[in-house]
Amino acid sequence: MDEKTMVTDTLDGLNSELKKYADMIPQTENKELKSTLKQFRNAAETSQEDMYKIARERQYYVPAAKATAEEVSHVRDLFCKAL
């Protein structure tokens, strides 16, 4: 397995882990458990940011082009209408 594959697999795993925490935290009534899950989520976010920087530096990940002001405005309008 090459380095690029390992980095992208790690990023995928961290992103999946963050989604699971996002699902679990609001459903937890136990304050101690909720606090622990938030600590785990924060650690996973830090790891994800670090791995993302590595992927960007080594050009394993190239982000999509930035959205134009018009595109941002259009999406904002869609969400405001939905509310």
PDB file of N, CA and C in Angstrom:
ATOM      1  N   MET A   1       0.854  -1.169   0.000  1.00  0.00           N
ATOM      2  CA  MET A   1       0.000   0.000   0.000  1.00  0.00           C
ATOM      3  C   MET A   1       0.903   1.236   0.000  1.00  0.00           C
ATOM      4  N   ASP A   2       0.592   2.191  -0.870  1.00  0.00           N
ATOM      5  CA  ASP A   2       1.427   3.379  -0.940  1.00  0.00           C
ATOM      6  C   ASP A   2       0.944   4.470   0.028  1.00  0.00           C
ATOM      7  N   GLU A   3       1.769   5.477   0.197  1.00  0.00           N
ATOM      8  CA  GLU A   3       1.471   6.537   1.167  1.00  0.00           C
ATOM      9  C   GLU A   3       0.178   7.275   0.835  1.00  0.00           C
ATOM     10  N   LYS A   4      -0.045   7.564  -0.436  1.00  0.00           N
ATOM     11  CA  LYS A   4      -1.260   8.283  -0.835  1.00  0.00           C
ATOM     12  C   LYS A   4      -2.504   7.513  -0.412  1.00  0.00           C
ATOM     13  N   THR A   5      -2.506   6.224  -0.616  1.00  0.00           N
ATOM     14  CA  THR A   5      -3.644   5.387  -0.240  1.00  0.00           C
ATOM     15  C   THR A   5      -3.846   5.405   1.272  1.00  0.00           C
ATOM     16  N   MET A   6      -2.756   5.321   2.008  1.00  0.00           N
ATOM     17  CA  MET A   6      -2.862   5.332   3.473  1.00  0.00           C
ATOM     18  C   MET A   6      -3.418   6.657   3.980  1.00  0.00           C
ATOM     19  N   VAL A   7      -2.947   7.763   3.397  1.00  0.00           N
ATOM     20  CA  VAL A   7      -3.419   9.084   3.827  1.00  0.00           C
ATOM     21  C   VAL A   7      -4.897   9.250   3.494  1.00  0.00           C
ATOM     22  N   THR A   8      -5.289   8.907   2.282  1.00  0.00           N
ATOM     23  CA  THR A   8      -6.696   9.083   1.908  1.00  0.00           C
ATOM     24  C   THR A   8      -7.613   8.135   2.678  1.00  0.00           C
ATOM     25  N   ASP A   9      -7.152   6.912   2.938  1.00  0.00           N
ATOM     26  CA  ASP A   9      -7.944   5.987   3.756  1.00  0.00           C
ATOM     27  C   ASP A   9      -8.111   6.514   5.178  1.00  0.00           C
ATOM     28  N   THR A  10      -7.047   7.082   5.721  1.00  0.00           N
ATOM     29  CA  THR A  10      -7.118   7.649   7.070  1.00  0.00           C
ATOM     30  C   THR A  10      -8.089   8.814   7.099  1.00  0.00           C
ATOM     31  N   LEU A  11      -8.021   9.682   6.096  1.00  0.00           N
ATOM     32  CA  LEU A  11      -8.963  10.803   6.019  1.00  0.00           C
ATOM     33  C   LEU A  11     -10.399  10.314   5.930  1.00  0.00           C
ATOM     34  N   ASP A  12     -10.645   9.317   5.109  1.00  0.00           N
ATOM     35  CA  ASP A  12     -11.995   8.748   4.988  1.00  0.00           C
ATOM     36  C   ASP A  12     -12.484   8.212   6.335  1.00  0.00           C
ATOM     37  N   GLY A  13     -11.595   7.494   7.034  1.00  0.00           N
ATOM     38  CA  GLY A  13     -11.969   6.946   8.343  1.00  0.00           C
ATOM     39  C   GLY A  13     -12.275   8.027   9.357  1.00  0.00           C
ATOM     40  N   LEU A  14     -11.459   9.081   9.376  1.00  0.00           N
ATOM     41  CA  LEU A  14     -11.696  10.184  10.309  1.00  0.00           C
ATOM     42  C   LEU A  14     -13.000  10.900   9.980  1.00  0.00           C
ATOM     43  N   ASN A  15     -13.267  11.113   8.713  1.00  0.00           N
ATOM     44  CA  ASN A  15     -14.521  11.768   8.323  1.00  0.00           C
ATOM     45  C   ASN A  15     -15.728  10.930   8.736  1.00  0.00           C
ATOM     46  N   SER A  16     -15.621   9.627   8.577  1.00  0.00           N
ATOM     47  CA  SER A  16     -16.698   8.725   8.996  1.00  0.00           C
ATOM     48  C   SER A  16     -16.890   8.786  10.512  1.00  0.00           C
ATOM     49  N   GLU A  17     -15.785   8.794  11.237  1.00  0.00           N
ATOM     50  CA  GLU A  17     -15.845   8.879  12.699  1.00  0.00           C
ATOM     51  C   GLU A  17     -16.520  10.180  13.139  1.00  0.00           C
ATOM     52  N   LEU A  18     -16.192  11.284  12.490  1.00  0.00           N
ATOM     53  CA  LEU A  18     -16.802  12.573  12.837  1.00  0.00           C
ATOM     54  C   LEU A  18     -18.312  12.558  12.588  1.00  0.00           C
ATOM     55  N   LYS A  19     -18.734  11.907  11.520  1.00  0.00           N
ATOM     56  CA  LYS A  19     -20.172  11.809  11.235  1.00  0.00           C
ATOM     57  C   LYS A  19     -20.880  10.998  12.323  1.00  0.00           C
ATOM     58  N   LYS A  20     -20.228   9.950  12.796  1.00  0.00           N
ATOM     59  CA  LYS A  20     -20.837   9.133  13.855  1.00  0.00           C
ATOM     60  C   LYS A  20     -20.983   9.928  15.147  1.00  0.00           C
ATOM     61  N   TYR A  21     -19.954  10.698  15.486  1.00  0.00           N
ATOM     62  CA  TYR A  21     -20.057  11.539  16.682  1.00  0.00           C
ATOM     63  C   TYR A  21     -21.178  12.565  16.524  1.00  0.00           C
ATOM     64  N   ALA A  22     -21.297  13.134  15.322  1.00  0.00           N
ATOM     65  CA  ALA A  22     -22.361  14.106  15.067  1.00  0.00           C
ATOM     66  C   ALA A  22     -23.737  13.482  15.257  1.00  0.00           C
ATOM     67  N   ASP A  23     -23.868  12.200  14.971  1.00  0.00           N
ATOM     68  CA  ASP A  23     -25.135  11.496  15.172  1.00  0.00           C
ATOM     69  C   ASP A  23     -25.366  11.150  16.645  1.00  0.00           C
ATOM     70  N   MET A  24     -24.306  10.730  17.332  1.00  0.00           N
ATOM     71  CA  MET A  24     -24.451  10.248  18.713  1.00  0.00           C
ATOM     72  C   MET A  24     -24.640  11.358  19.740  1.00  0.00           C
ATOM     73  N   ILE A  25     -23.882  12.422  19.613  1.00  0.00           N
ATOM     74  CA  ILE A  25     -23.866  13.454  20.664  1.00  0.00           C
ATOM     75  C   ILE A  25     -25.249  14.022  20.962  1.00  0.00           C
ATOM     76  N   PRO A  26     -26.022  14.447  19.972  1.00  0.00           N
ATOM     77  CA  PRO A  26     -27.333  15.022  20.301  1.00  0.00           C
ATOM     78  C   PRO A  26     -28.354  14.014  20.824  1.00  0.00           C
ATOM     79  N   GLN A  27     -28.092  12.720  20.625  1.00  0.00           N
ATOM     80  CA  GLN A  27     -29.027  11.693  21.072  1.00  0.00           C
ATOM     81  C   GLN A  27     -28.724  11.181  22.477  1.00  0.00           C
ATOM     82  N   THR A  28     -27.633  11.670  23.056  1.00  0.00           N
ATOM     83  CA  THR A  28     -27.201  11.183  24.357  1.00  0.00           C
ATOM     84  C   THR A  28     -27.746  12.068  25.468  1.00  0.00           C
ATOM     85  N   GLU A  29     -28.421  11.462  26.435  1.00  0.00           N
ATOM     86  CA  GLU A  29     -28.957  12.217  27.561  1.00  0.00           C
ATOM     87  C   GLU A  29     -27.971  12.288  28.725  1.00  0.00           C
ATOM     88  N   ASN A  30     -27.101  11.307  28.830  1.00  0.00           N
ATOM     89  CA  ASN A  30     -26.127  11.254  29.918  1.00  0.00           C
ATOM     90  C   ASN A  30     -25.063  12.328  29.694  1.00  0.00           C
ATOM     91  N   LYS A  31     -24.997  13.307  30.616  1.00  0.00           N
ATOM     92  CA  LYS A  31     -24.093  14.450  30.439  1.00  0.00           C
ATOM     93  C   LYS A  31     -22.624  14.035  30.424  1.00  0.00           C
ATOM     94  N   GLU A  32     -22.287  13.057  31.239  1.00  0.00           N
ATOM     95  CA  GLU A  32     -20.895  12.609  31.286  1.00  0.00           C
ATOM     96  C   GLU A  32     -20.504  11.935  29.969  1.00  0.00           C
ATOM     97  N   LEU A  33     -21.383  11.092  29.458  1.00  0.00           N
ATOM     98  CA  LEU A  33     -21.128  10.441  28.178  1.00  0.00           C
ATOM     99  C   LEU A  33     -21.064  11.476  27.058  1.00  0.00           C
ATOM    100  N   LYS A  34     -21.972  12.434  27.078  1.00  0.00           N
ATOM    101  CA  LYS A  34     -21.991  13.488  26.054  1.00  0.00           C
ATOM    102  C   LYS A  34     -20.676  14.261  26.065  1.00  0.00           C
ATOM    103  N   SER A  35     -20.192  14.573  27.262  1.00  0.00           N
ATOM    104  CA  SER A  35     -18.926  15.292  27.396  1.00  0.00           C
ATOM    105  C   SER A  35     -17.761  14.466  26.852  1.00  0.00           C
ATOM    106  N   THR A  36     -17.760  13.180  27.163  1.00  0.00           N
ATOM    107  CA  THR A  36     -16.703  12.296  26.679  1.00  0.00           C
ATOM    108  C   THR A  36     -16.733  12.196  25.155  1.00  0.00           C
ATOM    109  N   LEU A  37     -17.925  12.049  24.591  1.00  0.00           N
ATOM    110  CA  LEU A  37     -18.056  11.981  23.138  1.00  0.00           C
ATOM    111  C   LEU A  37     -17.573  13.266  22.474  1.00  0.00           C
ATOM    112  N   LYS A  38     -17.847  14.406  23.101  1.00  0.00           N
ATOM    113  CA  LYS A  38     -17.385  15.683  22.562  1.00  0.00           C
ATOM    114  C   LYS A  38     -15.865  15.766  22.594  1.00  0.00           C
ATOM    115  N   GLN A  39     -15.253  15.239  23.651  1.00  0.00           N
ATOM    116  CA  GLN A  39     -13.786  15.215  23.719  1.00  0.00           C
ATOM    117  C   GLN A  39     -13.217  14.341  22.606  1.00  0.00           C
ATOM    118  N   PHE A  40     -13.829  13.181  22.400  1.00  0.00           N
ATOM    119  CA  PHE A  40     -13.388  12.296  21.317  1.00  0.00           C
ATOM    120  C   PHE A  40     -13.563  12.979  19.960  1.00  0.00           C
ATOM    121  N   ARG A  41     -14.697  13.651  19.780  1.00  0.00           N
ATOM    122  CA  ARG A  41     -14.955  14.361  18.520  1.00  0.00           C
ATOM    123  C   ARG A  41     -13.912  15.445  18.289  1.00  0.00           C
ATOM    124  N   ASN A  42     -13.601  16.202  19.336  1.00  0.00           N
ATOM    125  CA  ASN A  42     -12.613  17.271  19.198  1.00  0.00           C
ATOM    126  C   ASN A  42     -11.244  16.717  18.809  1.00  0.00           C
ATOM    127  N   ALA A  43     -10.875  15.591  19.411  1.00  0.00           N
ATOM    128  CA  ALA A  43      -9.593  14.952  19.079  1.00  0.00           C
ATOM    129  C   ALA A  43      -9.609  14.458  17.628  1.00  0.00           C
ATOM    130  N   ALA A  44     -10.732  13.910  17.204  1.00  0.00           N
ATOM    131  CA  ALA A  44     -10.854  13.422  15.828  1.00  0.00           C
ATOM    132  C   ALA A  44     -10.796  14.589  14.845  1.00  0.00           C
ATOM    133  N   GLU A  45     -11.399  15.732  15.202  1.00  0.00           N
ATOM    134  CA  GLU A  45     -11.341  16.916  14.340  1.00  0.00           C
ATOM    135  C   GLU A  45      -9.914  17.404  14.176  1.00  0.00           C
ATOM    136  N   THR A  46      -9.165  17.407  15.271  1.00  0.00           N
ATOM    137  CA  THR A  46      -7.767  17.823  15.210  1.00  0.00           C
ATOM    138  C   THR A  46      -6.972  16.879  14.313  1.00  0.00           C
ATOM    139  N   SER A  47      -7.191  15.581  14.469  1.00  0.00           N
ATOM    140  CA  SER A  47      -6.501  14.603  13.630  1.00  0.00           C
ATOM    141  C   SER A  47      -6.878  14.763  12.163  1.00  0.00           C
ATOM    142  N   GLN A  48      -8.157  15.018  11.915  1.00  0.00           N
ATOM    143  CA  GLN A  48      -8.624  15.190  10.545  1.00  0.00           C
ATOM    144  C   GLN A  48      -7.970  16.418   9.914  1.00  0.00           C
ATOM    145  N   GLU A  49      -7.886  17.515  10.666  1.00  0.00           N
ATOM    146  CA  GLU A  49      -7.252  18.732  10.152  1.00  0.00           C
ATOM    147  C   GLU A  49      -5.780  18.490   9.847  1.00  0.00           C
ATOM    148  N   ASP A  50      -5.089  17.777  10.723  1.00  0.00           N
ATOM    149  CA  ASP A  50      -3.675  17.469  10.505  1.00  0.00           C
ATOM    150  C   ASP A  50      -3.488  16.598   9.267  1.00  0.00           C
ATOM    151  N   MET A  51      -4.328  15.590   9.130  1.00  0.00           N
ATOM    152  CA  MET A  51      -4.217  14.693   7.978  1.00  0.00           C
ATOM    153  C   MET A  51      -4.574  15.427   6.689  1.00  0.00           C
ATOM    154  N   TYR A  52      -5.543  16.320   6.749  1.00  0.00           N
ATOM    155  CA  TYR A  52      -5.929  17.122   5.588  1.00  0.00           C
ATOM    156  C   TYR A  52      -4.752  17.984   5.135  1.00  0.00           C
ATOM    157  N   LYS A  53      -4.038  18.590   6.097  1.00  0.00           N
ATOM    158  CA  LYS A  53      -2.877  19.413   5.749  1.00  0.00           C
ATOM    159  C   LYS A  53      -1.814  18.578   5.047  1.00  0.00           C
ATOM    160  N   ILE A  54      -1.584  17.382   5.545  1.00  0.00           N
ATOM    161  CA  ILE A  54      -0.609  16.483   4.909  1.00  0.00           C
ATOM    162  C   ILE A  54      -1.055  16.152   3.486  1.00  0.00           C
ATOM    163  N   ALA A  55      -2.320  15.829   3.325  1.00  0.00           N
ATOM    164  CA  ALA A  55      -2.841  15.479   1.999  1.00  0.00           C
ATOM    165  C   ALA A  55      -2.713  16.651   1.035  1.00  0.00           C
ATOM    166  N   ARG A  56      -2.998  17.850   1.508  1.00  0.00           N
ATOM    167  CA  ARG A  56      -2.868  19.049   0.655  1.00  0.00           C
ATOM    168  C   ARG A  56      -1.415  19.314   0.295  1.00  0.00           C
ATOM    169  N   GLU A  57      -0.525  19.243   1.288  1.00  0.00           N
ATOM    170  CA  GLU A  57       0.894  19.517   1.048  1.00  0.00           C
ATOM    171  C   GLU A  57       1.487  18.557   0.024  1.00  0.00           C
ATOM    172  N   ARG A  58       1.064  17.316   0.062  1.00  0.00           N
ATOM    173  CA  ARG A  58       1.623  16.299  -0.834  1.00  0.00           C
ATOM    174  C   ARG A  58       0.789  16.129  -2.099  1.00  0.00           C
ATOM    175  N   GLN A  59      -0.205  16.976  -2.237  1.00  0.00           N
ATOM    176  CA  GLN A  59      -1.096  16.990  -3.398  1.00  0.00           C
ATOM    177  C   GLN A  59      -1.826  15.662  -3.605  1.00  0.00           C
ATOM    178  N   TYR A  60      -2.143  15.002  -2.480  1.00  0.00           N
ATOM    179  CA  TYR A  60      -2.974  13.807  -2.530  1.00  0.00           C
ATOM    180  C   TYR A  60      -4.446  14.197  -2.589  1.00  0.00           C
ATOM    181  N   TYR A  61      -4.709  15.421  -2.173  1.00  0.00           N
ATOM    182  CA  TYR A  61      -6.083  15.927  -2.168  1.00  0.00           C
ATOM    183  C   TYR A  61      -6.061  17.329  -2.743  1.00  0.00           C
ATOM    184  N   VAL A  62      -6.878  17.554  -3.733  1.00  0.00           N
ATOM    185  CA  VAL A  62      -7.014  18.880  -4.318  1.00  0.00           C
ATOM    186  C   VAL A  62      -8.479  19.284  -4.145  1.00  0.00           C
ATOM    187  N   PRO A  63      -8.719  20.320  -3.354  1.00  0.00           N
ATOM    188  CA  PRO A  63     -10.112  20.718  -3.110  1.00  0.00           C
ATOM    189  C   PRO A  63     -10.779  21.272  -4.365  1.00  0.00           C
ATOM    190  N   ALA A  64     -12.074  21.251  -4.343  1.00  0.00           N
ATOM    191  CA  ALA A  64     -12.841  21.826  -5.447  1.00  0.00           C
ATOM    192  C   ALA A  64     -12.607  23.333  -5.495  1.00  0.00           C
ATOM    193  N   ALA A  65     -12.889  23.911  -6.628  1.00  0.00           N
ATOM    194  CA  ALA A  65     -12.756  25.360  -6.776  1.00  0.00           C
ATOM    195  C   ALA A  65     -13.697  26.064  -5.801  1.00  0.00           C
ATOM    196  N   LYS A  66     -13.276  27.239  -5.349  1.00  0.00           N
ATOM    197  CA  LYS A  66     -14.109  27.995  -4.415  1.00  0.00           C
ATOM    198  C   LYS A  66     -15.382  28.456  -5.113  1.00  0.00           C
ATOM    199  N   ALA A  67     -16.451  28.471  -4.359  1.00  0.00           N
ATOM    200  CA  ALA A  67     -17.737  28.908  -4.898  1.00  0.00           C
ATOM    201  C   ALA A  67     -17.699  30.411  -5.153  1.00  0.00           C
ATOM    202  N   THR A  68     -18.375  30.829  -6.196  1.00  0.00           N
ATOM    203  CA  THR A  68     -18.476  32.260  -6.491  1.00  0.00           C
ATOM    204  C   THR A  68     -19.463  32.898  -5.522  1.00  0.00           C
ATOM    205  N   ALA A  69     -19.444  34.205  -5.450  1.00  0.00           N
ATOM    206  CA  ALA A  69     -20.381  34.930  -4.585  1.00  0.00           C
ATOM    207  C   ALA A  69     -21.822  34.637  -5.005  1.00  0.00           C
ATOM    208  N   GLU A  70     -22.041  34.507  -6.299  1.00  0.00           N
ATOM    209  CA  GLU A  70     -23.388  34.218  -6.802  1.00  0.00           C
ATOM    210  C   GLU A  70     -23.851  32.834  -6.361  1.00  0.00           C
ATOM    211  N   GLU A  71     -22.951  31.851  -6.404  1.00  0.00           N
ATOM    212  CA  GLU A  71     -23.296  30.495  -5.974  1.00  0.00           C
ATOM    213  C   GLU A  71     -23.608  30.448  -4.488  1.00  0.00           C
ATOM    214  N   VAL A  72     -22.825  31.150  -3.704  1.00  0.00           N
ATOM    215  CA  VAL A  72     -23.062  31.212  -2.256  1.00  0.00           C
ATOM    216  C   VAL A  72     -24.412  31.860  -1.978  1.00  0.00           C
ATOM    217  N   SER A  73     -24.685  32.947  -2.666  1.00  0.00           N
ATOM    218  CA  SER A  73     -25.963  33.644  -2.491  1.00  0.00           C
ATOM    219  C   SER A  73     -27.141  32.750  -2.874  1.00  0.00           C
ATOM    220  N   HIS A  74     -26.994  32.003  -3.957  1.00  0.00           N
ATOM    221  CA  HIS A  74     -28.062  31.107  -4.405  1.00  0.00           C
ATOM    222  C   HIS A  74     -28.355  30.033  -3.359  1.00  0.00           C
ATOM    223  N   VAL A  75     -27.317  29.412  -2.823  1.00  0.00           N
ATOM    224  CA  VAL A  75     -27.505  28.368  -1.810  1.00  0.00           C
ATOM    225  C   VAL A  75     -28.108  28.966  -0.547  1.00  0.00           C
ATOM    226  N   ARG A  76     -27.636  30.148  -0.145  1.00  0.00           N
ATOM    227  CA  ARG A  76     -28.190  30.816   1.033  1.00  0.00           C
ATOM    228  C   ARG A  76     -29.686  31.072   0.841  1.00  0.00           C
ATOM    229  N   ASP A  77     -30.052  31.535  -0.346  1.00  0.00           N
ATOM    230  CA  ASP A  77     -31.466  31.779  -0.640  1.00  0.00           C
ATOM    231  C   ASP A  77     -32.299  30.506  -0.564  1.00  0.00           C
ATOM    232  N   LEU A  78     -31.733  29.400  -1.069  1.00  0.00           N
ATOM    233  CA  LEU A  78     -32.451  28.120  -0.988  1.00  0.00           C
ATOM    234  C   LEU A  78     -32.715  27.708   0.448  1.00  0.00           C
ATOM    235  N   PHE A  79     -31.723  27.877   1.312  1.00  0.00           N
ATOM    236  CA  PHE A  79     -31.884  27.491   2.709  1.00  0.00           C
ATOM    237  C   PHE A  79     -32.839  28.441   3.435  1.00  0.00           C
ATOM    238  N   CYS A  80     -32.778  29.707   3.117  1.00  0.00           N
ATOM    239  CA  CYS A  80     -33.674  30.660   3.777  1.00  0.00           C
ATOM    240  C   CYS A  80     -35.124  30.403   3.387  1.00  0.00           C
ATOM    241  N   LYS A  81     -35.363  30.021   2.152  1.00  0.00           N
ATOM    242  CA  LYS A  81     -36.723  29.706   1.706  1.00  0.00           C
ATOM    243  C   LYS A  81     -37.242  28.442   2.380  1.00  0.00           C
ATOM    244  N   ALA A  82     -36.344  27.497   2.645  1.00  0.00           N
ATOM    245  CA  ALA A  82     -36.738  26.236   3.270  1.00  0.00           C
ATOM    246  C   ALA A  82     -37.134  26.435   4.729  1.00  0.00           C
ATOM    247  N   LEU A  83     -36.613  27.453   5.358  1.00  0.00           N
ATOM    248  CA  LEU A  83     -36.933  27.699   6.762  1.00  0.00           C
ATOM    249  C   LEU A  83     -38.234  28.421   6.843  1.00  0.00           C
TER     250      LEU A  83
END
